[in-house]
Amino acid sequence: MDTTASAPALESMSEGDIDKLVRRAAEEDDAERMQDLLSHSPQSSMSAWWDAIQNQSFRVLQLLLARGADVNALIRDYHLFPEAEHIKINVLELLIEHGWDINNRTPAYSALLWRTTGDEALLRWCLAHGASVTPKPLVPESSADRKSPILETAAYAGTLEVFKLLQSCGAPFGGRELHFAVMTASGGSATAMENVRYLVEEVGIDVNTLDVPSESISANRKGTPLAYAHQADPEGLEVVRYLLERGADPHIQNNHGRSAMDYATTARGAPFTVFIDAVERFQNQTASR
């Protein structure tokens, strides 16, 4: 599509076609072109903002902010941002200069810091510029507020150095750090396996700890850390053996009456035989000792 359409051509275009041009201008960080588009289609300002954040378009964002965009109303949590490796420091600096609260969050999405756990340099930058390791209170409060602890996110996606850094900043534990580290390690991640060892051997988390209190019920929680490894890849069996060797019980049930072995054997489609075989092999070896 021609991104240099004349004014008469713009006036004859559909809203959908204008939005495509807006997206292209954001991708190319073409502020002059964006100015022209918004002059003919002010209703495209919202899509321009979203596209500019997604593409980290510095000059386009300068334009939108100069036009009076309310940065805190538009960036209420992390979900507009791209993945951490695509986030630009100069864009964050620009937003903060215009009054953006880096700790903004909603009931459904956490603050930007939660998106940075896989990028230590960006995480450190955010911490140095006011990011908090505890979720900002919502006003008004919401019954749907998840308040996901950042240590759970770090255990899943971060290095041990990131996890310890967040600990040193006072980040609270949430109860599923080991579970999430196990989940990632079951895919063969050596980094996550390091997190698992730290959580068990130094933090002292019980390998059979449940992910919710016994009186709670949650459809998205499987129970023990071992249950989070029931889909283990062959490359991820180290974490299964590690947990079993330290007393993990594959038959402990969660609040829905299901155990790690239940999840593996009654999965939709084919059972997860990699996990089942690993558990049975360990049990046979133990019995023969």
Protein backbone atom coordinates (compact mmCIF):
# COMPACT_ATOMS: atom_id res chain seq x y z
CA MET A 1 0.00 0.00 0.00
CA ASP A 2 1.24 3.49 -0.89
CA THR A 3 2.21 5.28 2.33
CA THR A 4 2.51 8.64 0.56
CA ALA A 5 -1.13 9.00 -0.46
CA SER A 6 -2.25 12.56 -1.14
CA ALA A 7 -4.86 14.38 0.95
CA PRO A 8 -7.70 13.68 -1.52
CA ALA A 9 -6.67 10.02 -1.62
CA LEU A 10 -6.71 9.84 2.17
CA GLU A 11 -10.19 11.33 2.30
CA SER A 12 -11.48 8.61 0.02
CA MET A 13 -9.92 5.76 2.02
CA SER A 14 -11.75 3.52 4.45
CA GLU A 15 -10.90 3.63 8.15
CA GLY A 16 -9.29 0.21 7.82
CA ASP A 17 -6.98 1.40 5.06
CA ILE A 18 -6.04 4.48 7.09
CA ASP A 19 -5.17 2.24 10.03
CA LYS A 20 -2.86 0.22 7.78
CA LEU A 21 -1.05 3.41 6.81
CA VAL A 22 -0.85 4.41 10.48
CA ARG A 23 0.70 1.05 11.29
CA ARG A 24 3.26 1.44 8.51
CA ALA A 25 4.17 4.94 9.68
CA ALA A 26 4.71 3.60 13.21
CA GLU A 27 6.82 0.70 11.94
CA GLU A 28 9.01 3.15 10.02
CA ASP A 29 8.97 5.73 12.83
CA ASP A 30 7.83 8.33 10.29
CA ALA A 31 6.51 11.19 12.42
CA GLU A 32 5.89 13.51 9.47
CA ARG A 33 3.75 10.91 7.75
CA MET A 34 1.93 10.15 10.99
CA GLN A 35 1.15 13.84 11.45
CA ASP A 36 -0.40 13.94 7.99
CA LEU A 37 -2.46 10.81 8.62
CA LEU A 38 -3.80 12.01 11.97
CA SER A 39 -4.66 15.41 10.52
CA HIS A 40 -7.03 13.67 8.12
CA SER A 41 -8.12 10.92 10.51
CA PRO A 42 -8.00 12.05 14.18
CA GLN A 43 -9.95 8.94 15.17
CA SER A 44 -6.84 6.91 14.35
CA SER A 45 -4.94 8.40 17.30
CA MET A 46 -5.54 5.37 19.51
CA SER A 47 -4.29 2.85 16.96
CA ALA A 48 -1.33 5.16 16.29
CA TRP A 49 -0.47 5.09 19.98
CA TRP A 50 -0.70 1.31 20.22
CA ASP A 51 1.38 0.80 17.07
CA ALA A 52 4.00 3.29 18.25
CA ILE A 53 4.43 1.52 21.61
CA GLN A 54 4.59 -1.90 19.94
CA ASN A 55 7.24 -0.68 17.51
CA GLN A 56 9.03 1.54 20.05
CA SER A 57 8.77 4.42 17.57
CA PHE A 58 10.53 7.28 19.33
CA ARG A 59 9.74 10.11 16.90
CA VAL A 60 6.12 9.07 16.47
CA LEU A 61 5.70 8.93 20.24
CA GLN A 62 7.20 12.41 20.53
CA LEU A 63 4.54 13.59 18.08
CA LEU A 64 1.68 11.87 19.92
CA LEU A 65 2.80 13.23 23.28
CA ALA A 66 3.09 16.72 21.80
CA ARG A 67 -0.51 16.36 20.61
CA GLY A 68 -1.57 15.93 24.23
CA ALA A 69 -1.80 12.15 24.69
CA ASP A 70 -2.45 11.14 28.32
CA VAL A 71 0.42 8.74 28.85
CA ASN A 72 -0.94 7.17 32.05
CA ALA A 73 -4.41 6.63 30.63
CA LEU A 74 -2.95 4.97 27.55
CA ILE A 75 -0.21 2.84 29.16
CA ARG A 76 -1.95 1.28 32.14
CA ASP A 77 0.19 -1.88 32.35
CA TYR A 78 2.82 -3.83 30.39
CA HIS A 79 0.67 -5.47 27.72
CA LEU A 80 1.14 -2.75 25.08
CA PHE A 81 4.92 -3.20 25.15
CA PRO A 82 6.80 -5.64 22.92
CA GLU A 83 8.96 -8.38 24.41
CA ALA A 84 11.80 -7.15 26.60
CA GLU A 85 14.51 -7.51 23.97
CA HIS A 86 12.66 -5.01 21.75
CA ILE A 87 12.03 -2.35 24.42
CA LYS A 88 14.13 0.78 23.93
CA ILE A 89 15.54 2.76 26.84
CA ASN A 90 15.10 6.10 25.04
CA VAL A 91 11.39 5.36 24.65
CA LEU A 92 11.04 4.59 28.35
CA GLU A 93 12.92 7.78 29.20
CA LEU A 94 10.57 9.76 26.95
CA LEU A 95 7.48 8.28 28.59
CA ILE A 96 8.78 8.90 32.10
CA GLU A 97 9.69 12.49 31.17
CA HIS A 98 6.04 12.98 30.22
CA GLY A 99 4.81 11.72 33.57
CA TRP A 100 4.32 8.02 32.95
CA ASP A 101 4.21 5.91 36.12
CA ILE A 102 6.44 2.89 35.48
CA ASN A 103 4.48 0.97 38.15
CA ASN A 104 1.12 1.27 36.37
CA ARG A 105 -0.80 -1.99 36.31
CA THR A 106 -4.35 -3.32 35.92
CA PRO A 107 -6.14 -6.35 37.42
CA ALA A 108 -5.34 -8.35 34.29
CA TYR A 109 -1.76 -7.24 33.60
CA SER A 110 1.26 -6.49 35.76
CA ALA A 111 3.61 -3.51 35.64
CA LEU A 112 6.44 -3.27 33.10
CA LEU A 113 9.02 -4.75 35.51
CA TRP A 114 7.26 -8.12 35.22
CA ARG A 115 8.03 -8.15 31.48
CA THR A 116 11.76 -7.62 32.07
CA THR A 117 12.65 -10.70 34.15
CA GLY A 118 14.31 -12.31 31.13
CA ASP A 119 16.47 -9.23 30.47
CA GLU A 120 18.67 -8.38 33.45
CA ALA A 121 20.03 -5.12 32.02
CA LEU A 122 16.55 -3.75 31.33
CA LEU A 123 15.30 -4.96 34.70
CA ARG A 124 18.14 -3.15 36.47
CA TRP A 125 17.36 0.00 34.50
CA CYS A 126 13.72 -0.16 35.53
CA LEU A 127 14.65 -0.67 39.19
CA ALA A 128 16.98 2.32 39.01
CA HIS A 129 14.14 4.43 37.59
CA GLY A 130 11.51 3.76 40.21
CA ALA A 131 10.10 0.34 39.38
CA SER A 132 8.75 -1.46 42.45
CA VAL A 133 9.03 -5.20 43.12
CA THR A 134 5.62 -5.21 44.80
CA PRO A 135 2.39 -4.60 42.85
CA LYS A 136 1.01 -1.09 43.06
CA PRO A 137 -2.35 -1.00 44.92
CA LEU A 138 -5.34 -0.54 42.64
CA VAL A 139 -7.92 2.16 43.29
CA PRO A 140 -10.62 1.04 43.39
CA GLU A 141 -9.65 -2.47 44.38
CA SER A 142 -10.73 -5.27 42.07
CA SER A 143 -11.89 -8.75 43.00
CA ALA A 144 -10.23 -9.96 39.78
CA ASP A 145 -6.81 -8.59 40.78
CA ARG A 146 -4.18 -11.29 40.33
CA LYS A 147 -1.29 -9.52 42.10
CA SER A 148 1.18 -11.96 40.58
CA PRO A 149 4.41 -11.90 42.63
CA ILE A 150 7.41 -11.02 40.49
CA LEU A 151 9.52 -13.81 42.02
CA GLU A 152 7.17 -16.33 40.41
CA THR A 153 7.75 -14.69 37.03
CA ALA A 154 11.51 -14.57 37.64
CA ALA A 155 11.62 -18.24 38.62
CA TYR A 156 9.91 -19.10 35.33
CA ALA A 157 11.72 -16.76 32.94
CA GLY A 158 14.77 -15.30 34.68
CA THR A 159 18.26 -16.30 35.66
CA LEU A 160 19.30 -17.04 39.21
CA GLU A 161 21.08 -13.67 39.28
CA VAL A 162 17.81 -11.91 38.44
CA PHE A 163 15.94 -13.91 41.07
CA LYS A 164 18.47 -13.06 43.77
CA LEU A 165 18.50 -9.40 42.72
CA LEU A 166 14.73 -9.18 43.12
CA GLN A 167 14.98 -10.94 46.47
CA SER A 168 17.55 -8.39 47.61
CA CYS A 169 15.10 -5.63 46.65
CA GLY A 170 12.48 -7.10 48.98
CA ALA A 171 10.31 -8.94 46.46
CA PRO A 172 7.87 -11.21 48.33
CA PHE A 173 7.47 -14.92 47.67
CA GLY A 174 4.15 -16.00 46.22
CA GLY A 175 4.07 -19.77 46.75
CA ARG A 176 4.68 -21.03 43.20
CA GLU A 177 8.30 -20.09 42.57
CA LEU A 178 9.46 -23.71 42.61
CA HIS A 179 6.48 -24.83 40.53
CA PHE A 180 7.25 -22.33 37.76
CA ALA A 181 10.98 -23.04 37.79
CA VAL A 182 10.19 -26.75 37.47
CA MET A 183 7.85 -26.07 34.55
CA THR A 184 10.58 -24.30 32.59
CA ALA A 185 13.26 -26.81 33.60
CA SER A 186 11.06 -29.65 32.32
CA GLY A 187 11.57 -28.22 28.84
CA GLY A 188 15.33 -28.67 29.18
CA SER A 189 16.33 -25.22 30.47
CA ALA A 190 19.63 -25.34 32.37
CA THR A 191 18.96 -21.83 33.68
CA ALA A 192 15.66 -22.88 35.21
CA MET A 193 17.29 -26.00 36.64
CA GLU A 194 19.70 -23.73 38.46
CA ASN A 195 16.69 -21.89 39.89
CA VAL A 196 15.17 -25.18 41.01
CA ARG A 197 18.30 -26.20 42.90
CA TYR A 198 18.54 -22.82 44.59
CA LEU A 199 14.90 -22.87 45.67
CA VAL A 200 15.16 -26.39 47.10
CA GLU A 201 18.68 -26.40 48.54
CA GLU A 202 19.11 -22.81 49.72
CA VAL A 203 15.64 -21.34 50.12
CA GLY A 204 14.41 -24.65 51.52
CA ILE A 205 11.12 -25.06 49.66
CA ASP A 206 9.51 -28.47 50.23
CA VAL A 207 9.49 -30.50 47.01
CA ASN A 208 5.91 -31.58 47.78
CA THR A 209 4.54 -28.14 48.57
CA LEU A 210 1.15 -27.44 47.03
CA ASP A 211 0.65 -24.39 44.87
CA VAL A 212 -2.45 -23.24 46.76
CA PRO A 213 -3.51 -23.54 50.40
CA SER A 214 -5.44 -26.73 51.08
CA GLU A 215 -8.75 -24.87 51.47
CA SER A 216 -8.41 -23.08 48.13
CA ILE A 217 -9.57 -24.25 44.73
CA SER A 218 -8.17 -22.97 41.46
CA ALA A 219 -8.68 -24.54 38.06
CA ASN A 220 -5.25 -23.43 36.85
CA ARG A 221 -3.17 -24.96 39.63
CA LYS A 222 -1.90 -28.50 39.47
CA GLY A 223 -0.66 -29.11 43.02
CA THR A 224 2.93 -30.21 43.61
CA PRO A 225 6.00 -29.00 41.69
CA LEU A 226 6.29 -32.46 40.11
CA ALA A 227 2.86 -32.02 38.53
CA TYR A 228 4.23 -29.03 36.65
CA ALA A 229 6.76 -31.37 35.00
CA HIS A 230 4.28 -33.98 33.77
CA GLN A 231 4.81 -32.85 30.15
CA ALA A 232 8.60 -33.07 30.45
CA ASP A 233 10.70 -33.36 27.30
CA PRO A 234 13.42 -36.02 27.25
CA GLU A 235 15.89 -33.14 27.67
CA GLY A 236 13.97 -32.02 30.76
CA LEU A 237 14.01 -35.23 32.76
CA GLU A 238 16.80 -33.96 35.00
CA VAL A 239 14.29 -31.96 37.02
CA VAL A 240 11.97 -34.97 37.35
CA ARG A 241 14.79 -37.14 38.69
CA TYR A 242 16.02 -34.32 40.92
CA LEU A 243 12.63 -33.92 42.59
CA LEU A 244 12.07 -37.66 42.96
CA GLU A 245 15.50 -38.13 44.55
CA ARG A 246 14.56 -35.49 47.14
CA GLY A 247 11.30 -37.12 48.08
CA ALA A 248 8.78 -35.79 45.59
CA ASP A 249 5.66 -37.96 45.62
CA PRO A 250 4.02 -38.32 42.19
CA HIS A 251 0.75 -39.44 43.80
CA ILE A 252 0.02 -36.43 46.04
CA GLN A 253 -3.31 -35.01 44.92
CA ASN A 254 -4.25 -31.40 44.44
CA ASN A 255 -7.59 -29.89 45.46
CA HIS A 256 -9.25 -31.44 42.43
CA GLY A 257 -8.11 -34.92 43.43
CA ARG A 258 -5.44 -35.15 40.72
CA SER A 259 -1.76 -36.00 41.08
CA ALA A 260 1.26 -35.58 38.83
CA MET A 261 0.77 -39.13 37.57
CA ASP A 262 -2.91 -38.45 36.94
CA TYR A 263 -2.06 -35.49 34.75
CA ALA A 264 0.47 -37.55 32.82
CA THR A 265 -1.70 -40.64 32.33
CA THR A 266 -5.07 -39.01 31.63
CA ALA A 267 -3.92 -36.22 29.33
CA ARG A 268 -5.97 -35.45 26.25
CA GLY A 269 -4.50 -37.42 23.40
CA ALA A 270 -1.55 -39.66 24.16
CA PRO A 271 -0.26 -40.02 27.74
CA PHE A 272 3.00 -38.29 28.58
CA THR A 273 5.08 -41.45 28.52
CA VAL A 274 8.41 -39.66 28.99
CA PHE A 275 7.32 -38.56 32.45
CA ILE A 276 5.55 -41.82 33.30
CA ASP A 277 8.55 -43.95 32.29
CA ALA A 278 10.93 -41.75 34.30
CA VAL A 279 8.80 -42.06 37.44
CA GLU A 280 8.35 -45.82 37.08
CA ARG A 281 12.06 -46.32 36.38
CA PHE A 282 12.96 -44.37 39.52
CA GLN A 283 10.47 -46.32 41.62
CA ASN A 284 11.80 -49.65 40.33
CA GLN A 285 15.38 -48.62 41.06
CA THR A 286 14.42 -47.53 44.56
CA ALA A 287 12.54 -50.77 45.24
CA SER A 288 15.52 -52.89 44.17
CA ARG A 289 17.95 -51.21 46.57
